[in-house]
Protein backbone atom coordinates (compact mmCIF):
# COMPACT_ATOMS: atom_id res chain seq x y z
CA MET A 1 -86.10 -78.58 -58.27
CA ALA A 2 -89.13 -76.51 -57.32
CA ARG A 3 -92.38 -77.24 -59.12
CA ALA A 4 -93.82 -74.43 -61.22
CA SER A 5 -97.05 -73.06 -59.83
CA PHE A 6 -100.09 -73.07 -62.07
CA THR A 7 -101.27 -69.92 -63.79
CA CYS A 8 -104.21 -69.40 -66.10
CA ALA A 9 -104.70 -66.11 -67.93
CA PHE A 10 -107.16 -65.04 -70.62
CA ASP A 11 -106.33 -62.43 -73.24
CA GLU A 12 -109.62 -60.94 -74.40
CA GLN A 13 -108.14 -59.43 -77.55
CA THR A 14 -106.68 -62.67 -78.94
CA ARG A 15 -109.28 -64.90 -77.20
CA THR A 16 -106.40 -67.00 -75.84
CA LEU A 17 -106.44 -68.85 -72.53
CA THR A 18 -102.82 -69.49 -71.60
CA LEU A 19 -101.99 -72.17 -69.06
CA SER A 20 -98.56 -72.61 -67.52
CA GLY A 21 -96.88 -74.56 -64.76
CA ASP A 22 -98.09 -77.70 -63.04
CA VAL A 23 -101.82 -78.29 -63.17
CA ASP A 24 -102.58 -79.75 -59.74
CA GLU A 25 -105.97 -80.26 -58.09
CA ALA A 26 -106.36 -76.55 -57.34
CA GLY A 27 -105.24 -75.76 -60.88
CA ALA A 28 -107.83 -78.13 -62.36
CA HIS A 29 -110.48 -76.36 -60.27
CA GLU A 30 -109.30 -72.95 -61.53
CA LEU A 31 -109.30 -74.27 -65.10
CA ARG A 32 -112.89 -75.53 -64.67
CA ARG A 33 -113.93 -72.11 -63.32
CA ARG A 34 -112.28 -70.23 -66.19
CA LEU A 35 -113.73 -72.51 -68.86
CA ALA A 36 -117.22 -72.25 -67.33
CA ALA A 37 -116.95 -68.45 -67.36
CA LEU A 38 -115.91 -68.47 -71.02
CA MET A 39 -118.80 -70.75 -71.93
CA HIS A 40 -121.20 -68.62 -69.89
CA ASP A 41 -120.03 -65.55 -71.82
CA ARG A 42 -120.87 -67.46 -74.99
CA ALA A 43 -117.35 -67.14 -76.37
CA SER A 44 -117.45 -68.04 -80.03
CA SER A 45 -113.86 -69.13 -80.39
CA VAL A 46 -111.15 -69.69 -77.82
CA ILE A 47 -107.55 -70.81 -78.19
CA MET A 48 -106.03 -72.69 -75.27
CA ASP A 49 -102.25 -72.40 -75.23
CA LEU A 50 -100.75 -75.35 -73.33
CA GLY A 51 -97.16 -74.80 -74.42
CA SER A 52 -95.90 -73.90 -70.94
CA VAL A 53 -97.68 -76.65 -69.02
CA HIS A 54 -95.29 -78.94 -67.11
CA SER A 55 -97.87 -81.47 -65.91
CA LEU A 56 -101.42 -82.16 -67.05
CA PRO A 57 -103.41 -84.72 -65.03
CA GLY A 58 -106.36 -86.65 -66.36
CA SER A 59 -108.77 -84.47 -64.37
CA ALA A 60 -107.62 -81.39 -66.28
CA VAL A 61 -107.87 -83.24 -69.61
CA GLY A 62 -111.43 -84.15 -68.64
CA GLU A 63 -112.24 -80.48 -68.01
CA ILE A 64 -110.78 -79.57 -71.40
CA ALA A 65 -112.75 -82.31 -73.15
CA ALA A 66 -115.99 -81.26 -71.45
CA ALA A 67 -115.42 -77.61 -72.39
CA ARG A 68 -114.63 -78.57 -75.97
CA ALA A 69 -117.86 -80.56 -76.22
CA GLY A 70 -119.87 -77.78 -74.58
CA MET A 71 -118.49 -75.17 -76.94
CA ARG A 72 -119.09 -77.42 -79.95
CA ALA A 73 -122.73 -77.76 -78.86
CA ARG A 74 -122.92 -73.94 -79.04
CA PHE A 75 -121.30 -73.92 -82.51
CA ALA A 76 -118.10 -72.52 -81.01
CA THR A 77 -114.55 -73.88 -81.02
CA LEU A 78 -111.88 -74.57 -78.43
CA THR A 79 -108.57 -74.93 -80.25
CA LEU A 80 -105.74 -76.55 -78.30
CA VAL A 81 -102.20 -75.39 -79.01
CA ALA A 82 -99.10 -77.21 -77.77
CA PRO A 83 -95.74 -77.67 -79.45
CA GLU A 84 -94.64 -81.08 -80.72
CA GLY A 85 -92.83 -82.95 -77.95
CA SER A 86 -94.40 -80.95 -75.12
CA VAL A 87 -95.85 -82.58 -72.01
CA ALA A 88 -99.34 -81.32 -72.84
CA ARG A 89 -99.26 -82.65 -76.40
CA SER A 90 -98.11 -86.05 -75.20
CA VAL A 91 -100.78 -86.27 -72.49
CA LEU A 92 -103.54 -85.08 -74.84
CA ALA A 93 -102.53 -87.72 -77.41
CA ARG A 94 -102.85 -90.44 -74.75
CA PHE A 95 -106.44 -89.32 -74.26
CA GLY A 96 -107.16 -89.27 -78.00
CA MET A 97 -107.12 -85.48 -78.26
CA SER A 98 -105.05 -83.46 -80.67
CA ALA A 99 -103.36 -80.08 -80.45
CA ARG A 100 -101.88 -77.96 -83.16
CA ASP A 101 -98.53 -76.18 -83.18
CA ALA A 102 -98.49 -72.56 -82.10
């Protein structure tokens, strides 16, 4: 079975960053770049949709945690969305992070 390539897309209108596929090393780097750009733009509120993520390594969770803390310091929010039973929700829970249903 072929692994799903990683994609990361931001919808300006809904302020949603949608991740899908397998987050590998290159994907974690792309995620870091996208999150840094959003923080640089002083985004007030961003939703990160992780519902279509098939793998989420600790390095990506670290990037998410750092972005969440950085946004909180700017009085902004990074809301994580992942359905119950999804890979992302399970991984986030192991790292003490929560996500809400879509």
